[in-house]
Amino acid sequence: MPFMDAANGRGSKRPKLAPVQILDVRSKRMAANAKQGAVLGTTLGGFTSFVAGLHSGGGLGIVFAIVGAGLLFASAAGFYKIKAV
């Protein structure tokens, strides 16, 4: 059954679809290489620790916020050091 063209009400051919790509195991990795994965993990941990420290407040919260900020700065430096592939 042909598709109906909304503009003029005439039938048209079915649109051509792009071929489906089969993904291998390497394309499902979190990052392109191990260094990027480690720095991304540091970023996630630093952000979580920083926000948790800000939310909880108090003495231990300040420590968590400072550690989280340090991890965020370390991850930013790590991303800066990674060479482009």
N, C-alpha and C. Protein backbone atom coordinates (compact mmCIF):
# COMPACT_ATOMS: atom_id res chain seq x y z
N MET A 1 0.84 -1.17 0.00
CA MET A 1 0.00 0.00 0.00
C MET A 1 0.89 1.24 0.00
N PRO A 2 0.68 2.17 -0.91
CA PRO A 2 1.53 3.36 -0.96
C PRO A 2 1.19 4.35 0.15
N PHE A 3 2.18 5.16 0.51
CA PHE A 3 1.96 6.21 1.50
C PHE A 3 1.23 7.37 0.85
N MET A 4 0.43 8.06 1.63
CA MET A 4 -0.29 9.22 1.12
C MET A 4 0.51 10.48 1.41
N ASP A 5 0.69 11.30 0.40
CA ASP A 5 1.37 12.56 0.56
C ASP A 5 0.38 13.55 1.15
N ALA A 6 0.73 14.16 2.28
CA ALA A 6 -0.20 15.04 2.97
C ALA A 6 -0.46 16.33 2.20
N ALA A 7 0.50 16.77 1.39
CA ALA A 7 0.35 18.06 0.70
C ALA A 7 -0.68 17.98 -0.43
N ASN A 8 -0.61 16.92 -1.25
CA ASN A 8 -1.51 16.88 -2.39
C ASN A 8 -2.41 15.64 -2.42
N GLY A 9 -2.33 14.78 -1.41
CA GLY A 9 -3.22 13.63 -1.34
C GLY A 9 -2.88 12.50 -2.28
N ARG A 10 -1.75 12.59 -2.98
CA ARG A 10 -1.37 11.51 -3.90
C ARG A 10 -0.47 10.50 -3.20
N GLY A 11 -0.47 9.30 -3.70
CA GLY A 11 0.38 8.25 -3.16
C GLY A 11 1.83 8.48 -3.53
N SER A 12 2.73 8.02 -2.68
CA SER A 12 4.16 8.12 -2.96
C SER A 12 4.82 6.80 -2.59
N LYS A 13 6.05 6.64 -3.02
CA LYS A 13 6.77 5.42 -2.70
C LYS A 13 7.20 5.43 -1.25
N ARG A 14 7.40 4.24 -0.71
CA ARG A 14 7.86 4.10 0.68
C ARG A 14 9.26 4.70 0.80
N PRO A 15 9.52 5.47 1.86
CA PRO A 15 10.85 6.07 2.02
C PRO A 15 11.90 4.99 2.28
N LYS A 16 13.11 5.25 1.78
CA LYS A 16 14.20 4.31 1.96
C LYS A 16 14.80 4.48 3.35
N LEU A 17 14.97 3.40 4.07
CA LEU A 17 15.51 3.43 5.42
C LEU A 17 17.00 3.14 5.38
N ALA A 18 17.72 3.71 6.32
CA ALA A 18 19.15 3.46 6.43
C ALA A 18 19.36 2.03 6.94
N PRO A 19 20.44 1.38 6.52
CA PRO A 19 20.69 0.02 7.01
C PRO A 19 20.98 0.03 8.51
N VAL A 20 20.60 -1.03 9.17
CA VAL A 20 20.82 -1.16 10.61
C VAL A 20 22.25 -1.57 10.86
N GLN A 21 22.91 -0.85 11.77
CA GLN A 21 24.29 -1.18 12.10
C GLN A 21 24.30 -2.18 13.24
N ILE A 22 25.12 -3.19 13.10
CA ILE A 22 25.28 -4.19 14.15
C ILE A 22 26.42 -3.73 15.05
N LEU A 23 26.14 -3.57 16.34
CA LEU A 23 27.14 -3.08 17.28
C LEU A 23 27.94 -4.25 17.85
N ASP A 24 29.24 -4.06 17.93
CA ASP A 24 30.06 -5.09 18.56
C ASP A 24 30.31 -4.69 20.01
N VAL A 25 31.05 -5.51 20.71
CA VAL A 25 31.27 -5.29 22.14
C VAL A 25 32.06 -4.01 22.37
N ARG A 26 32.99 -3.68 21.51
CA ARG A 26 33.82 -2.49 21.71
C ARG A 26 33.01 -1.21 21.64
N SER A 27 31.95 -1.18 20.87
CA SER A 27 31.17 0.04 20.74
C SER A 27 30.27 0.28 21.96
N LYS A 28 30.19 -0.67 22.88
CA LYS A 28 29.35 -0.51 24.06
C LYS A 28 30.15 -0.08 25.28
N ARG A 29 31.42 0.25 25.12
CA ARG A 29 32.22 0.70 26.24
C ARG A 29 31.81 2.09 26.68
N MET A 30 32.15 2.41 27.93
CA MET A 30 31.76 3.70 28.47
C MET A 30 32.59 4.83 27.84
N ALA A 31 33.85 4.60 27.58
CA ALA A 31 34.72 5.64 27.01
C ALA A 31 35.57 5.02 25.91
N ALA A 32 36.29 5.86 25.20
CA ALA A 32 37.08 5.39 24.07
C ALA A 32 38.30 4.59 24.53
N ASN A 33 38.87 4.93 25.66
CA ASN A 33 40.00 4.17 26.18
C ASN A 33 39.93 4.12 27.71
N ALA A 34 40.85 3.39 28.30
CA ALA A 34 40.80 3.18 29.75
C ALA A 34 41.04 4.47 30.52
N LYS A 35 41.90 5.33 30.03
CA LYS A 35 42.19 6.59 30.72
C LYS A 35 40.94 7.48 30.78
N GLN A 36 40.21 7.55 29.67
CA GLN A 36 38.99 8.35 29.67
C GLN A 36 37.95 7.76 30.62
N GLY A 37 37.88 6.45 30.69
CA GLY A 37 36.94 5.81 31.60
C GLY A 37 37.28 6.09 33.05
N ALA A 38 38.58 6.05 33.38
CA ALA A 38 39.01 6.32 34.76
C ALA A 38 38.72 7.77 35.14
N VAL A 39 39.00 8.69 34.23
CA VAL A 39 38.76 10.11 34.53
C VAL A 39 37.26 10.39 34.60
N LEU A 40 36.47 9.74 33.77
CA LEU A 40 35.03 9.92 33.84
C LEU A 40 34.49 9.39 35.17
N GLY A 41 35.01 8.27 35.62
CA GLY A 41 34.61 7.75 36.93
C GLY A 41 35.00 8.69 38.06
N THR A 42 36.17 9.32 37.94
CA THR A 42 36.59 10.31 38.93
C THR A 42 35.66 11.51 38.93
N THR A 43 35.23 11.92 37.74
CA THR A 43 34.30 13.04 37.62
C THR A 43 32.98 12.72 38.31
N LEU A 44 32.45 11.54 38.05
CA LEU A 44 31.17 11.14 38.66
C LEU A 44 31.29 11.04 40.18
N GLY A 45 32.36 10.45 40.65
CA GLY A 45 32.58 10.35 42.10
C GLY A 45 32.77 11.70 42.75
N GLY A 46 33.53 12.58 42.09
CA GLY A 46 33.76 13.92 42.64
C GLY A 46 32.50 14.74 42.69
N PHE A 47 31.71 14.67 41.62
CA PHE A 47 30.46 15.42 41.60
C PHE A 47 29.50 14.92 42.68
N THR A 48 29.41 13.61 42.82
CA THR A 48 28.52 13.03 43.84
C THR A 48 28.97 13.44 45.24
N SER A 49 30.26 13.35 45.50
CA SER A 49 30.78 13.70 46.82
C SER A 49 30.60 15.19 47.10
N PHE A 50 30.85 16.03 46.10
CA PHE A 50 30.71 17.47 46.28
C PHE A 50 29.27 17.87 46.60
N VAL A 51 28.33 17.35 45.84
CA VAL A 51 26.93 17.69 46.06
C VAL A 51 26.43 17.12 47.39
N ALA A 52 26.85 15.90 47.72
CA ALA A 52 26.44 15.31 48.99
C ALA A 52 26.98 16.12 50.16
N GLY A 53 28.21 16.59 50.04
CA GLY A 53 28.79 17.42 51.10
C GLY A 53 28.07 18.74 51.25
N LEU A 54 27.70 19.35 50.13
CA LEU A 54 26.97 20.61 50.20
C LEU A 54 25.58 20.41 50.80
N HIS A 55 24.97 19.29 50.48
CA HIS A 55 23.61 19.03 50.97
C HIS A 55 23.60 18.74 52.47
N SER A 56 24.55 17.94 52.93
CA SER A 56 24.51 17.52 54.33
C SER A 56 24.99 18.61 55.28
N GLY A 57 25.96 19.41 54.87
CA GLY A 57 26.46 20.48 55.73
C GLY A 57 27.18 19.90 56.93
N GLY A 58 27.53 20.74 57.88
CA GLY A 58 28.22 20.28 59.08
C GLY A 58 29.69 19.98 58.80
N GLY A 59 30.36 19.43 59.80
CA GLY A 59 31.79 19.16 59.69
C GLY A 59 32.13 18.11 58.66
N LEU A 60 31.42 17.00 58.69
CA LEU A 60 31.70 15.92 57.74
C LEU A 60 31.26 16.30 56.33
N GLY A 61 30.21 17.09 56.21
CA GLY A 61 29.75 17.55 54.92
C GLY A 61 30.77 18.44 54.24
N ILE A 62 31.44 19.29 55.03
CA ILE A 62 32.48 20.16 54.48
C ILE A 62 33.64 19.32 53.97
N VAL A 63 33.99 18.28 54.70
CA VAL A 63 35.08 17.40 54.27
C VAL A 63 34.71 16.73 52.95
N PHE A 64 33.48 16.23 52.84
CA PHE A 64 33.04 15.60 51.59
C PHE A 64 33.04 16.60 50.44
N ALA A 65 32.61 17.83 50.71
CA ALA A 65 32.58 18.84 49.66
C ALA A 65 34.00 19.18 49.19
N ILE A 66 34.95 19.27 50.11
CA ILE A 66 36.33 19.58 49.74
C ILE A 66 36.94 18.43 48.96
N VAL A 67 36.69 17.20 49.41
CA VAL A 67 37.21 16.03 48.67
C VAL A 67 36.58 15.96 47.29
N GLY A 68 35.28 16.22 47.19
CA GLY A 68 34.61 16.21 45.90
C GLY A 68 35.16 17.27 44.97
N ALA A 69 35.39 18.48 45.48
CA ALA A 69 35.96 19.55 44.66
C ALA A 69 37.37 19.16 44.19
N GLY A 70 38.13 18.53 45.06
CA GLY A 70 39.47 18.06 44.66
C GLY A 70 39.40 17.02 43.56
N LEU A 71 38.46 16.11 43.67
CA LEU A 71 38.30 15.09 42.62
C LEU A 71 37.85 15.72 41.31
N LEU A 72 36.99 16.74 41.38
CA LEU A 72 36.57 17.42 40.15
C LEU A 72 37.75 18.14 39.49
N PHE A 73 38.58 18.79 40.28
CA PHE A 73 39.77 19.44 39.70
C PHE A 73 40.74 18.42 39.13
N ALA A 74 40.91 17.29 39.83
CA ALA A 74 41.79 16.24 39.33
C ALA A 74 41.27 15.65 38.02
N SER A 75 39.97 15.47 37.93
CA SER A 75 39.40 14.92 36.70
C SER A 75 39.50 15.92 35.56
N ALA A 76 39.34 17.22 35.86
CA ALA A 76 39.50 18.23 34.81
C ALA A 76 40.94 18.23 34.29
N ALA A 77 41.90 18.11 35.19
CA ALA A 77 43.30 18.03 34.77
C ALA A 77 43.56 16.75 33.98
N GLY A 78 42.93 15.66 34.39
CA GLY A 78 43.10 14.39 33.67
C GLY A 78 42.53 14.46 32.27
N PHE A 79 41.36 15.07 32.11
CA PHE A 79 40.79 15.23 30.77
C PHE A 79 41.67 16.14 29.91
N TYR A 80 42.27 17.15 30.53
CA TYR A 80 43.12 18.07 29.79
C TYR A 80 44.38 17.36 29.28
N LYS A 81 44.89 16.40 30.08
CA LYS A 81 46.12 15.69 29.70
C LYS A 81 45.91 14.63 28.62
N ILE A 82 44.69 14.13 28.49
CA ILE A 82 44.43 13.06 27.52
C ILE A 82 44.61 13.62 26.12
N LYS A 83 45.40 12.90 25.33
CA LYS A 83 45.63 13.33 23.95
C LYS A 83 44.46 12.91 23.08
N ALA A 84 44.20 13.72 22.08
CA ALA A 84 43.14 13.39 21.13
C ALA A 84 43.56 12.19 20.29
N VAL A 85 42.63 11.32 20.02
CA VAL A 85 42.94 10.11 19.25
C VAL A 85 42.93 10.40 17.78
